[in-house]
Amino acid sequence: NLIKKVEEILNAKVNYKILNIAKNEIPEQYLDYTKAKEKLNWEPKISFENGMKKTFKWYKGFYLNSK
């Protein structure tokens, strides 16, 4: 679950609300690079979790320095 992963990384509770769900909406989606690996011999250089951590660190620095 993306929200749970964000909460783990931030070490904080995230309050969220899902709005405007279409009747034909897919309830769950998953990241998978298997086909890219098979067809293109591609793999991510950084894990999803580490990418999230780096992104949050960047945003924190950016917004603290912009005030």
N, C-alpha and C. Protein backbone atom coordinates (compact mmCIF):
# COMPACT_ATOMS: atom_id res chain seq x y z
N ASN A 1 0.84 -1.18 0.00
CA ASN A 1 0.00 0.00 0.00
C ASN A 1 0.88 1.24 0.00
N LEU A 2 0.66 2.12 -0.94
CA LEU A 2 1.46 3.33 -1.09
C LEU A 2 1.38 4.22 0.14
N ILE A 3 0.20 4.41 0.68
CA ILE A 3 0.05 5.28 1.85
C ILE A 3 0.84 4.73 3.03
N LYS A 4 0.78 3.44 3.25
CA LYS A 4 1.54 2.84 4.36
C LYS A 4 3.04 3.03 4.16
N LYS A 5 3.52 2.91 2.93
CA LYS A 5 4.94 3.11 2.64
C LYS A 5 5.34 4.56 2.91
N VAL A 6 4.50 5.50 2.51
CA VAL A 6 4.77 6.92 2.77
C VAL A 6 4.81 7.17 4.27
N GLU A 7 3.87 6.60 5.01
CA GLU A 7 3.86 6.76 6.47
C GLU A 7 5.14 6.20 7.09
N GLU A 8 5.60 5.06 6.60
CA GLU A 8 6.85 4.48 7.12
C GLU A 8 8.03 5.41 6.87
N ILE A 9 8.13 5.91 5.66
CA ILE A 9 9.26 6.77 5.29
C ILE A 9 9.24 8.07 6.08
N LEU A 10 8.06 8.67 6.23
CA LEU A 10 7.94 9.94 6.94
C LEU A 10 7.87 9.77 8.45
N ASN A 11 7.64 8.54 8.88
CA ASN A 11 7.43 8.25 10.30
C ASN A 11 6.31 9.14 10.85
N ALA A 12 5.21 9.19 10.10
CA ALA A 12 4.08 10.02 10.48
C ALA A 12 2.80 9.43 9.89
N LYS A 13 1.69 9.74 10.52
CA LYS A 13 0.39 9.31 10.03
C LYS A 13 -0.04 10.25 8.91
N VAL A 14 -0.50 9.70 7.81
CA VAL A 14 -0.96 10.49 6.68
C VAL A 14 -2.48 10.41 6.63
N ASN A 15 -3.12 11.56 6.70
CA ASN A 15 -4.58 11.61 6.57
C ASN A 15 -4.90 11.81 5.09
N TYR A 16 -5.72 10.95 4.55
CA TYR A 16 -6.05 11.04 3.14
C TYR A 16 -7.51 10.67 2.92
N LYS A 17 -8.03 11.12 1.79
CA LYS A 17 -9.41 10.83 1.43
C LYS A 17 -9.44 10.56 -0.07
N ILE A 18 -10.00 9.45 -0.47
CA ILE A 18 -10.11 9.11 -1.88
C ILE A 18 -11.41 9.71 -2.41
N LEU A 19 -11.30 10.51 -3.45
CA LEU A 19 -12.44 11.22 -4.00
C LEU A 19 -12.75 10.76 -5.43
N ASN A 20 -13.98 10.90 -5.80
CA ASN A 20 -14.41 10.70 -7.19
C ASN A 20 -13.96 9.38 -7.81
N ILE A 21 -14.29 8.30 -7.18
CA ILE A 21 -13.95 6.99 -7.73
C ILE A 21 -14.98 6.62 -8.80
N ALA A 22 -14.50 6.38 -10.00
CA ALA A 22 -15.39 5.98 -11.09
C ALA A 22 -15.86 4.54 -10.87
N LYS A 23 -17.04 4.22 -11.37
CA LYS A 23 -17.59 2.87 -11.20
C LYS A 23 -16.69 1.80 -11.83
N ASN A 24 -16.01 2.15 -12.90
CA ASN A 24 -15.16 1.18 -13.58
C ASN A 24 -13.68 1.30 -13.17
N GLU A 25 -13.42 2.01 -12.09
CA GLU A 25 -12.04 2.21 -11.61
C GLU A 25 -11.42 0.90 -11.16
N ILE A 26 -10.15 0.72 -11.46
CA ILE A 26 -9.41 -0.46 -11.00
C ILE A 26 -9.09 -0.25 -9.52
N PRO A 27 -9.53 -1.15 -8.63
CA PRO A 27 -9.35 -0.92 -7.19
C PRO A 27 -7.90 -0.95 -6.71
N GLU A 28 -7.06 -1.74 -7.35
CA GLU A 28 -5.66 -1.83 -6.93
C GLU A 28 -4.78 -1.92 -8.17
N GLN A 29 -3.61 -1.29 -8.06
CA GLN A 29 -2.63 -1.35 -9.14
C GLN A 29 -1.26 -1.63 -8.54
N TYR A 30 -0.41 -2.30 -9.29
CA TYR A 30 0.91 -2.67 -8.79
C TYR A 30 1.98 -2.28 -9.80
N LEU A 31 3.13 -1.88 -9.27
CA LEU A 31 4.28 -1.57 -10.12
C LEU A 31 5.01 -2.86 -10.45
N ASP A 32 5.35 -3.04 -11.72
CA ASP A 32 6.08 -4.23 -12.12
C ASP A 32 6.88 -3.92 -13.39
N TYR A 33 8.17 -4.09 -13.31
CA TYR A 33 9.02 -3.80 -14.46
C TYR A 33 9.47 -5.07 -15.19
N THR A 34 8.81 -6.18 -14.94
CA THR A 34 9.19 -7.46 -15.55
C THR A 34 9.24 -7.39 -17.07
N LYS A 35 8.21 -6.81 -17.69
CA LYS A 35 8.17 -6.75 -19.15
C LYS A 35 9.29 -5.86 -19.70
N ALA A 36 9.58 -4.75 -19.03
CA ALA A 36 10.69 -3.88 -19.46
C ALA A 36 12.02 -4.62 -19.34
N LYS A 37 12.15 -5.44 -18.31
CA LYS A 37 13.39 -6.21 -18.13
C LYS A 37 13.52 -7.25 -19.25
N GLU A 38 12.43 -7.94 -19.55
CA GLU A 38 12.45 -8.99 -20.58
C GLU A 38 12.69 -8.41 -21.98
N LYS A 39 11.96 -7.35 -22.32
CA LYS A 39 12.00 -6.82 -23.69
C LYS A 39 13.17 -5.86 -23.92
N LEU A 40 13.51 -5.07 -22.90
CA LEU A 40 14.50 -4.00 -23.08
C LEU A 40 15.78 -4.21 -22.28
N ASN A 41 15.81 -5.30 -21.50
CA ASN A 41 16.95 -5.54 -20.62
C ASN A 41 17.17 -4.35 -19.67
N TRP A 42 16.07 -3.81 -19.15
CA TRP A 42 16.11 -2.63 -18.30
C TRP A 42 15.75 -3.01 -16.87
N GLU A 43 16.45 -2.42 -15.92
CA GLU A 43 16.13 -2.55 -14.51
C GLU A 43 16.30 -1.18 -13.87
N PRO A 44 15.51 -0.87 -12.84
CA PRO A 44 15.68 0.41 -12.17
C PRO A 44 17.04 0.48 -11.47
N LYS A 45 17.62 1.66 -11.45
CA LYS A 45 18.90 1.85 -10.77
C LYS A 45 18.71 2.09 -9.28
N ILE A 46 17.51 2.47 -8.90
CA ILE A 46 17.22 2.76 -7.50
C ILE A 46 15.87 2.13 -7.16
N SER A 47 15.74 1.61 -5.95
CA SER A 47 14.49 0.97 -5.55
C SER A 47 13.39 2.02 -5.38
N PHE A 48 12.15 1.57 -5.46
CA PHE A 48 11.02 2.47 -5.27
C PHE A 48 11.11 3.16 -3.92
N GLU A 49 11.40 2.39 -2.86
CA GLU A 49 11.47 2.97 -1.51
C GLU A 49 12.58 4.01 -1.41
N ASN A 50 13.77 3.70 -1.92
CA ASN A 50 14.86 4.68 -1.86
C ASN A 50 14.55 5.91 -2.71
N GLY A 51 13.88 5.72 -3.83
CA GLY A 51 13.46 6.85 -4.65
C GLY A 51 12.49 7.75 -3.91
N MET A 52 11.55 7.14 -3.19
CA MET A 52 10.61 7.92 -2.38
C MET A 52 11.36 8.69 -1.30
N LYS A 53 12.29 8.04 -0.62
CA LYS A 53 13.07 8.71 0.43
C LYS A 53 13.83 9.91 -0.12
N LYS A 54 14.48 9.72 -1.26
CA LYS A 54 15.24 10.82 -1.87
C LYS A 54 14.31 11.95 -2.30
N THR A 55 13.15 11.61 -2.83
CA THR A 55 12.19 12.62 -3.26
C THR A 55 11.70 13.43 -2.08
N PHE A 56 11.33 12.77 -0.98
CA PHE A 56 10.86 13.49 0.21
C PHE A 56 11.96 14.36 0.78
N LYS A 57 13.18 13.87 0.79
CA LYS A 57 14.31 14.65 1.30
C LYS A 57 14.50 15.91 0.45
N TRP A 58 14.41 15.76 -0.88
CA TRP A 58 14.55 16.90 -1.77
C TRP A 58 13.45 17.93 -1.53
N TYR A 59 12.19 17.47 -1.46
CA TYR A 59 11.07 18.39 -1.23
C TYR A 59 11.24 19.12 0.09
N LYS A 60 11.63 18.41 1.12
CA LYS A 60 11.81 19.03 2.43
C LYS A 60 12.86 20.13 2.34
N GLY A 61 14.00 19.85 1.74
CA GLY A 61 15.04 20.85 1.58
C GLY A 61 14.60 22.01 0.70
N PHE A 62 13.91 21.72 -0.38
CA PHE A 62 13.45 22.75 -1.31
C PHE A 62 12.49 23.71 -0.62
N TYR A 63 11.50 23.18 0.08
CA TYR A 63 10.50 24.04 0.70
C TYR A 63 11.03 24.76 1.93
N LEU A 64 11.92 24.15 2.68
CA LEU A 64 12.51 24.85 3.82
C LEU A 64 13.40 25.99 3.36
N ASN A 65 14.10 25.81 2.25
CA ASN A 65 14.99 26.85 1.72
C ASN A 65 14.25 27.93 0.95
N SER A 66 13.00 27.70 0.57
CA SER A 66 12.25 28.68 -0.21
C SER A 66 11.50 29.67 0.67
N LYS A 67 11.54 29.47 1.97
CA LYS A 67 10.81 30.38 2.88
C LYS A 67 11.69 31.49 3.36
